[in-house]
Every structure is written in structure tokens, then in C-alpha cells.
Amino acid sequence: MKEIESGSGDLKTRRKLLAGIGILSLFPLWKTGLFGKKKSVISCAPPEVKETMKVLSQDGQLVEVDMSKIKSFQGKISMEDLQKWVKRQ
């Protein structure tokens, strides 16, 4: 009976040893990236910034316009030009 008991202790030790070797054999796979998370790709292009401006349309509504669509912007108009434009309508 003593031989059977010593054999089961040996079997447990072998199983632990084989389990440890099996776990250690997974480290190279983890290192290569099979089990790791994917790395995110960083875009090199700068983010696209859309500049908008609120302008008054000819029918009197306030409209938001993309600045890239406007060819030339000369600045503020004078009060006199605005009054002429309103009277013309």
C-alpha cells in the first residue's frame, strides 16, 4: 500500500510540473501579440477644423457659413452701406 501512496504523490508532482511548463510555453505567444490587445494607430494628419461664421443673408435670416466657402472677406461694412443695402431690398 505504501507504494501506491508514493506513486500518487509523484503523479501530482508531475502534473504540477507539466502544468507549469504548459503555462510558461504560452508566454512567447503572448509576447508576439496573439493574446495581447491591439495597438491603436495614430493618424498623422491634423484634425480638420471647420471655422464657421454667422452672417446675415439677403432675406434677413441669420445663417452659419463655412469660412472655406467664402472667397474674400473684407471686414465690417459701414453703417451707410448697410442702410443702402436695406433700402434697395
C-alpha atoms as a PDB file:
ATOM      1  CA  MET A   1       0.000   0.000   0.000  1.00  0.00           C
ATOM      2  CA  LYS A   2       2.835   2.363   0.669  1.00  0.00           C
ATOM      3  CA  GLU A   3       3.986   2.071  -2.946  1.00  0.00           C
ATOM      4  CA  ILE A   4       0.611   3.268  -4.260  1.00  0.00           C
ATOM      5  CA  GLU A   5       0.650   6.305  -1.967  1.00  0.00           C
ATOM      6  CA  SER A   6       4.147   7.292  -3.048  1.00  0.00           C
ATOM      7  CA  GLY A   7       3.152   6.849  -6.700  1.00  0.00           C
ATOM      8  CA  SER A   8       0.195   9.250  -6.373  1.00  0.00           C
ATOM      9  CA  GLY A   9       2.488  11.912  -4.843  1.00  0.00           C
ATOM     10  CA  ASP A  10       4.833  11.512  -7.777  1.00  0.00           C
ATOM     11  CA  LEU A  11       1.899  11.806 -10.173  1.00  0.00           C
ATOM     12  CA  LYS A  12       0.747  15.050  -8.542  1.00  0.00           C
ATOM     13  CA  THR A  13       4.253  16.491  -8.768  1.00  0.00           C
ATOM     14  CA  ARG A  14       4.496  15.569 -12.448  1.00  0.00           C
ATOM     15  CA  ARG A  15       1.108  17.140 -13.166  1.00  0.00           C
ATOM     16  CA  LYS A  16       2.137  20.352 -11.424  1.00  0.00           C
ATOM     17  CA  LEU A  17       5.411  20.363 -13.338  1.00  0.00           C
ATOM     18  CA  LEU A  18       3.687  19.783 -16.677  1.00  0.00           C
ATOM     19  CA  ALA A  19       1.056  22.440 -15.886  1.00  0.00           C
ATOM     20  CA  GLY A  20       3.840  24.916 -15.070  1.00  0.00           C
ATOM     21  CA  ILE A  21       5.688  24.118 -18.298  1.00  0.00           C
ATOM     22  CA  GLY A  22       2.420  24.456 -20.241  1.00  0.00           C
ATOM     23  CA  ILE A  23       1.743  27.896 -18.758  1.00  0.00           C
ATOM     24  CA  LEU A  24       5.315  29.015 -19.399  1.00  0.00           C
ATOM     25  CA  SER A  25       5.037  27.873 -23.015  1.00  0.00           C
ATOM     26  CA  LEU A  26       2.206  30.396 -23.536  1.00  0.00           C
ATOM     27  CA  PHE A  27       4.455  33.396 -22.778  1.00  0.00           C
ATOM     28  CA  PRO A  28       6.091  33.507 -26.247  1.00  0.00           C
ATOM     29  CA  LEU A  29       2.624  33.520 -27.834  1.00  0.00           C
ATOM     30  CA  TRP A  30       1.555  36.351 -25.551  1.00  0.00           C
ATOM     31  CA  LYS A  31       4.742  38.262 -26.361  1.00  0.00           C
ATOM     32  CA  THR A  32       4.105  38.041 -30.122  1.00  0.00           C
ATOM     33  CA  GLY A  33       0.691  39.623 -29.697  1.00  0.00           C
ATOM     34  CA  LEU A  34      -1.732  36.766 -30.180  1.00  0.00           C
ATOM     35  CA  PHE A  35      -3.246  37.297 -26.749  1.00  0.00           C
ATOM     36  CA  GLY A  36      -2.380  40.953 -26.264  1.00  0.00           C
ATOM     37  CA  LYS A  37      -4.604  43.871 -27.102  1.00  0.00           C
ATOM     38  CA  LYS A  38      -4.239  45.588 -30.460  1.00  0.00           C
ATOM     39  CA  LYS A  39      -2.271  48.814 -30.596  1.00  0.00           C
ATOM     40  CA  SER A  40      -4.220  51.805 -31.807  1.00  0.00           C
ATOM     41  CA  VAL A  41      -2.967  53.581 -34.916  1.00  0.00           C
ATOM     42  CA  ILE A  42      -2.373  57.296 -34.528  1.00  0.00           C
ATOM     43  CA  SER A  43      -3.257  59.383 -37.539  1.00  0.00           C
ATOM     44  CA  CYS A  44      -0.538  61.739 -38.710  1.00  0.00           C
ATOM     45  CA  ALA A  45      -2.898  64.162 -40.419  1.00  0.00           C
ATOM     46  CA  PRO A  46      -4.001  67.149 -38.334  1.00  0.00           C
ATOM     47  CA  PRO A  47      -7.669  67.168 -37.359  1.00  0.00           C
ATOM     48  CA  GLU A  48      -9.913  69.043 -39.723  1.00  0.00           C
ATOM     49  CA  VAL A  49     -11.161  72.218 -38.076  1.00  0.00           C
ATOM     50  CA  LYS A  50     -14.176  73.831 -39.669  1.00  0.00           C
ATOM     51  CA  GLU A  51     -14.459  77.511 -38.968  1.00  0.00           C
ATOM     52  CA  THR A  52     -17.943  78.918 -39.294  1.00  0.00           C
ATOM     53  CA  MET A  53     -19.235  82.424 -39.092  1.00  0.00           C
ATOM     54  CA  LYS A  54     -22.749  83.746 -38.641  1.00  0.00           C
ATOM     55  CA  VAL A  55     -23.729  86.137 -41.400  1.00  0.00           C
ATOM     56  CA  LEU A  56     -26.924  87.851 -42.446  1.00  0.00           C
ATOM     57  CA  SER A  57     -28.429  86.602 -45.705  1.00  0.00           C
ATOM     58  CA  GLN A  58     -30.170  88.843 -48.239  1.00  0.00           C
ATOM     59  CA  ASP A  59     -33.612  87.852 -46.993  1.00  0.00           C
ATOM     60  CA  GLY A  60     -32.688  88.883 -43.419  1.00  0.00           C
ATOM     61  CA  GLN A  61     -32.065  85.483 -41.859  1.00  0.00           C
ATOM     62  CA  LEU A  62     -29.033  84.705 -39.733  1.00  0.00           C
ATOM     63  CA  VAL A  63     -27.086  81.882 -41.410  1.00  0.00           C
ATOM     64  CA  GLU A  64     -23.968  79.956 -40.340  1.00  0.00           C
ATOM     65  CA  VAL A  65     -21.487  79.706 -43.236  1.00  0.00           C
ATOM     66  CA  ASP A  66     -18.271  77.686 -43.523  1.00  0.00           C
ATOM     67  CA  MET A  67     -15.354  80.110 -43.905  1.00  0.00           C
ATOM     68  CA  SER A  68     -13.695  77.954 -46.571  1.00  0.00           C
ATOM     69  CA  LYS A  69     -16.681  78.633 -48.864  1.00  0.00           C
ATOM     70  CA  ILE A  70     -16.239  82.405 -48.667  1.00  0.00           C
ATOM     71  CA  LYS A  71     -13.687  83.662 -51.205  1.00  0.00           C
ATOM     72  CA  SER A  72     -12.852  87.023 -49.703  1.00  0.00           C
ATOM     73  CA  PHE A  73     -13.894  88.645 -46.503  1.00  0.00           C
ATOM     74  CA  GLN A  74     -13.069  92.336 -46.362  1.00  0.00           C
ATOM     75  CA  GLY A  75     -14.271  93.137 -42.863  1.00  0.00           C
ATOM     76  CA  LYS A  76     -17.161  95.113 -41.471  1.00  0.00           C
ATOM     77  CA  ILE A  77     -19.251  97.300 -43.715  1.00  0.00           C
ATOM     78  CA  SER A  78     -20.076 100.846 -42.839  1.00  0.00           C
ATOM     79  CA  MET A  79     -23.468 101.856 -41.495  1.00  0.00           C
ATOM     80  CA  GLU A  80     -24.111 103.836 -44.674  1.00  0.00           C
ATOM     81  CA  ASP A  81     -23.526 100.793 -46.913  1.00  0.00           C
ATOM     82  CA  LEU A  82     -25.838  98.727 -44.739  1.00  0.00           C
ATOM     83  CA  GLN A  83     -28.617 101.307 -44.949  1.00  0.00           C
ATOM     84  CA  LYS A  84     -28.279 101.485 -48.752  1.00  0.00           C
ATOM     85  CA  TRP A  85     -28.428  97.689 -48.953  1.00  0.00           C
ATOM     86  CA  VAL A  86     -31.562  97.543 -46.758  1.00  0.00           C
ATOM     87  CA  LYS A  87     -33.315 100.340 -48.742  1.00  0.00           C
ATOM     88  CA  ARG A  88     -32.552  98.579 -52.011  1.00  0.00           C
ATOM     89  CA  GLN A  89     -34.408  95.475 -50.847  1.00  0.00           C
END
